[in-house]
């Protein structure tokens, strides 16, 4: 199974600070599912850059984004995701928000989206290390079943 993590951050993409949430997400995913093939990249908070990064990883089973999901003016990850996907999976985004609310009341500010483009899942997570790790741990048990469902292999 192939998984991509796209970090959406203006400052990390400019090299002003190290991306910590993307590696944390990858670490949590591979700790739970050791045989994953993984790729990662960092892009600025720009719709076109996010769309290009999503398209570049279309051969993955799952694409996770971290960052750009809040109410700040440059937070456009959910909009880019909705432009990219064919079908939305609101239950997945709601699940991540509900579980995140158990950790912090700030989860109410998440506008994260989730959906499918063909058989590729796209899931947004917040940009904090803690939130990215939590969302990865929550999604890890869903990876195989989700992929099988997307491929039409049923339950």
Protein backbone atom coordinates (compact mmCIF):
# COMPACT_ATOMS: atom_id res chain seq x y z
CA UNK A 1 0.00 0.00 0.00
CA UNK A 2 1.29 3.44 -0.92
CA UNK A 3 0.66 6.53 1.21
CA UNK A 4 1.64 10.14 0.60
CA UNK A 5 1.85 12.97 3.11
CA UNK A 6 1.67 16.51 1.81
CA UNK A 7 2.54 19.26 4.28
CA UNK A 8 0.86 22.55 3.45
CA UNK A 9 2.87 25.40 4.96
CA UNK A 10 4.14 28.66 3.53
CA UNK A 11 7.01 28.92 6.02
CA UNK A 12 8.11 25.27 5.81
CA UNK A 13 7.97 25.41 2.00
CA UNK A 14 10.29 28.45 2.09
CA UNK A 15 12.67 26.69 4.47
CA UNK A 16 12.01 29.12 7.33
CA UNK A 17 11.48 26.18 9.67
CA UNK A 18 11.56 22.42 9.45
CA UNK A 19 8.41 20.52 8.63
CA UNK A 20 7.56 18.59 11.78
CA UNK A 21 3.93 17.58 11.19
CA UNK A 22 4.55 15.65 7.96
CA UNK A 23 7.28 13.46 9.50
CA UNK A 24 5.16 12.98 12.63
CA UNK A 25 2.25 11.81 10.49
CA UNK A 26 4.48 9.41 8.54
CA UNK A 27 5.97 8.07 11.76
CA UNK A 28 2.54 7.37 13.23
CA UNK A 29 1.32 5.69 10.04
CA UNK A 30 4.38 3.47 9.60
CA UNK A 31 4.40 2.55 13.30
CA UNK A 32 0.88 1.19 12.87
CA UNK A 33 1.34 -0.26 9.36
CA UNK A 34 5.06 -1.07 8.96
CA UNK A 35 4.99 -2.22 5.33
CA UNK A 36 3.70 1.07 3.88
CA UNK A 37 5.44 2.65 0.91
CA UNK A 38 5.57 6.36 1.68
CA UNK A 39 6.32 9.65 -0.06
CA UNK A 40 6.26 13.15 1.34
CA UNK A 41 6.47 16.73 0.15
CA UNK A 42 5.95 20.27 1.38
CA UNK A 43 4.00 22.92 -0.54
CA UNK A 44 2.91 26.49 0.18
CA UNK A 45 -0.63 27.45 1.21
CA UNK A 46 -1.68 28.00 -2.39
CA UNK A 47 -4.56 26.21 -4.05
CA UNK A 48 -2.65 25.54 -7.29
CA UNK A 49 0.36 24.13 -5.43
CA UNK A 50 -1.84 21.87 -3.32
CA UNK A 51 -3.73 20.63 -6.39
CA UNK A 52 -0.45 19.93 -8.22
CA UNK A 53 0.88 17.97 -5.23
CA UNK A 54 -2.35 15.96 -4.98
CA UNK A 55 -2.21 15.17 -8.70
CA UNK A 56 1.44 14.12 -8.44
CA UNK A 57 0.48 11.49 -5.85
CA UNK A 58 -2.61 10.09 -7.62
CA UNK A 59 -0.96 6.64 -7.79
CA UNK A 60 -1.13 6.39 -3.98
CA UNK A 61 -3.86 4.54 -2.14
CA UNK A 62 -4.11 7.29 0.48
CA UNK A 63 -2.98 10.92 0.41
CA UNK A 64 -2.88 12.77 3.70
CA UNK A 65 -2.41 16.49 3.98
CA UNK A 66 -1.34 18.32 7.10
CA UNK A 67 -1.90 22.04 7.48
CA UNK A 68 -4.07 24.69 5.93
CA UNK A 69 -7.36 23.46 7.42
CA UNK A 70 -8.19 26.31 9.78
CA UNK A 71 -9.99 29.63 9.37
CA UNK A 72 -6.93 31.75 8.51
CA UNK A 73 -7.15 33.62 5.21
CA UNK A 74 -4.46 31.46 3.54
CA UNK A 75 -5.90 28.15 4.79
CA UNK A 76 -7.20 26.69 1.51
CA UNK A 77 -6.42 22.98 1.84
CA UNK A 78 -10.10 21.92 2.15
CA UNK A 79 -11.04 23.95 -0.92
CA UNK A 80 -8.21 22.46 -2.98
CA UNK A 81 -9.18 19.00 -1.75
CA UNK A 82 -12.81 19.50 -2.77
CA UNK A 83 -11.62 20.68 -6.20
CA UNK A 84 -9.59 17.48 -6.54
CA UNK A 85 -11.86 14.74 -5.24
CA UNK A 86 -14.76 13.09 -7.08
CA UNK A 87 -16.69 12.06 -3.97
CA UNK A 88 -16.64 13.52 -0.50
CA UNK A 89 -16.49 11.33 2.61
CA UNK A 90 -17.86 13.65 5.29
CA UNK A 91 -18.01 10.84 7.86
CA UNK A 92 -14.24 10.49 7.82
CA UNK A 93 -13.66 14.22 8.36
CA UNK A 94 -16.33 14.27 11.06
CA UNK A 95 -14.73 11.28 12.79
CA UNK A 96 -11.34 13.00 12.90
CA UNK A 97 -12.89 16.23 14.22
CA UNK A 98 -14.93 14.39 16.87
CA UNK A 99 -11.92 12.47 18.15
CA UNK A 100 -9.75 15.59 18.02
CA UNK A 101 -12.29 17.44 20.16
CA UNK A 102 -11.54 14.94 22.91
CA UNK A 103 -7.97 16.30 22.91
CA UNK A 104 -8.54 20.04 22.42
CA UNK A 105 -11.44 22.46 22.02
CA UNK A 106 -9.47 24.07 19.18
CA UNK A 107 -10.60 21.22 16.92
CA UNK A 108 -13.81 23.20 16.35
CA UNK A 109 -11.78 25.41 14.00
CA UNK A 110 -10.90 22.54 11.65
CA UNK A 111 -12.47 22.75 8.21
CA UNK A 112 -10.73 19.55 7.07
CA UNK A 113 -12.26 17.52 4.25
CA UNK A 114 -11.93 13.92 3.11
CA UNK A 115 -12.91 12.12 -0.05
CA UNK A 116 -11.99 9.94 -3.01
CA UNK A 117 -10.56 10.68 -6.42
CA UNK A 118 -11.09 7.43 -8.27
CA UNK A 119 -9.70 4.88 -5.83
CA UNK A 120 -7.36 7.30 -4.04
CA UNK A 121 -8.38 8.65 -0.64
CA UNK A 122 -7.53 12.23 0.30
CA UNK A 123 -7.71 13.16 3.98
CA UNK A 124 -6.93 16.57 5.49
CA UNK A 125 -5.43 16.91 8.96
CA UNK A 126 -4.49 20.02 10.93
CA UNK A 127 -0.90 21.23 10.83
CA UNK A 128 0.12 20.77 14.44
CA UNK A 129 2.37 17.82 15.20
CA UNK A 130 -0.04 16.57 17.85
CA UNK A 131 -3.08 16.76 15.56
CA UNK A 132 -1.28 15.23 12.58
CA UNK A 133 -0.09 12.30 14.70
CA UNK A 134 -3.53 11.77 16.19
CA UNK A 135 -5.26 11.79 12.79
CA UNK A 136 -2.68 9.35 11.44
CA UNK A 137 -3.22 6.98 14.38
CA UNK A 138 -6.98 7.21 13.90
CA UNK A 139 -6.76 6.50 10.16
CA UNK A 140 -4.14 3.74 10.27
CA UNK A 141 -6.65 0.97 11.13
CA UNK A 142 -8.83 2.13 8.22
CA UNK A 143 -6.20 1.99 5.47
CA UNK A 144 -6.54 -1.59 4.27
CA UNK A 145 -10.32 -1.83 4.53
CA UNK A 146 -10.72 1.55 2.86
CA UNK A 147 -8.47 0.56 -0.01
CA UNK A 148 -10.35 -2.71 -0.49
CA UNK A 149 -13.68 -0.86 -0.52
CA UNK A 150 -12.40 1.70 -3.07
CA UNK A 151 -11.19 -1.15 -5.29
CA UNK A 152 -14.62 -2.77 -5.18
CA UNK A 153 -13.45 -5.72 -3.11
CA UNK A 154 -16.17 -5.20 -0.53
CA UNK A 155 -16.03 -5.92 3.15
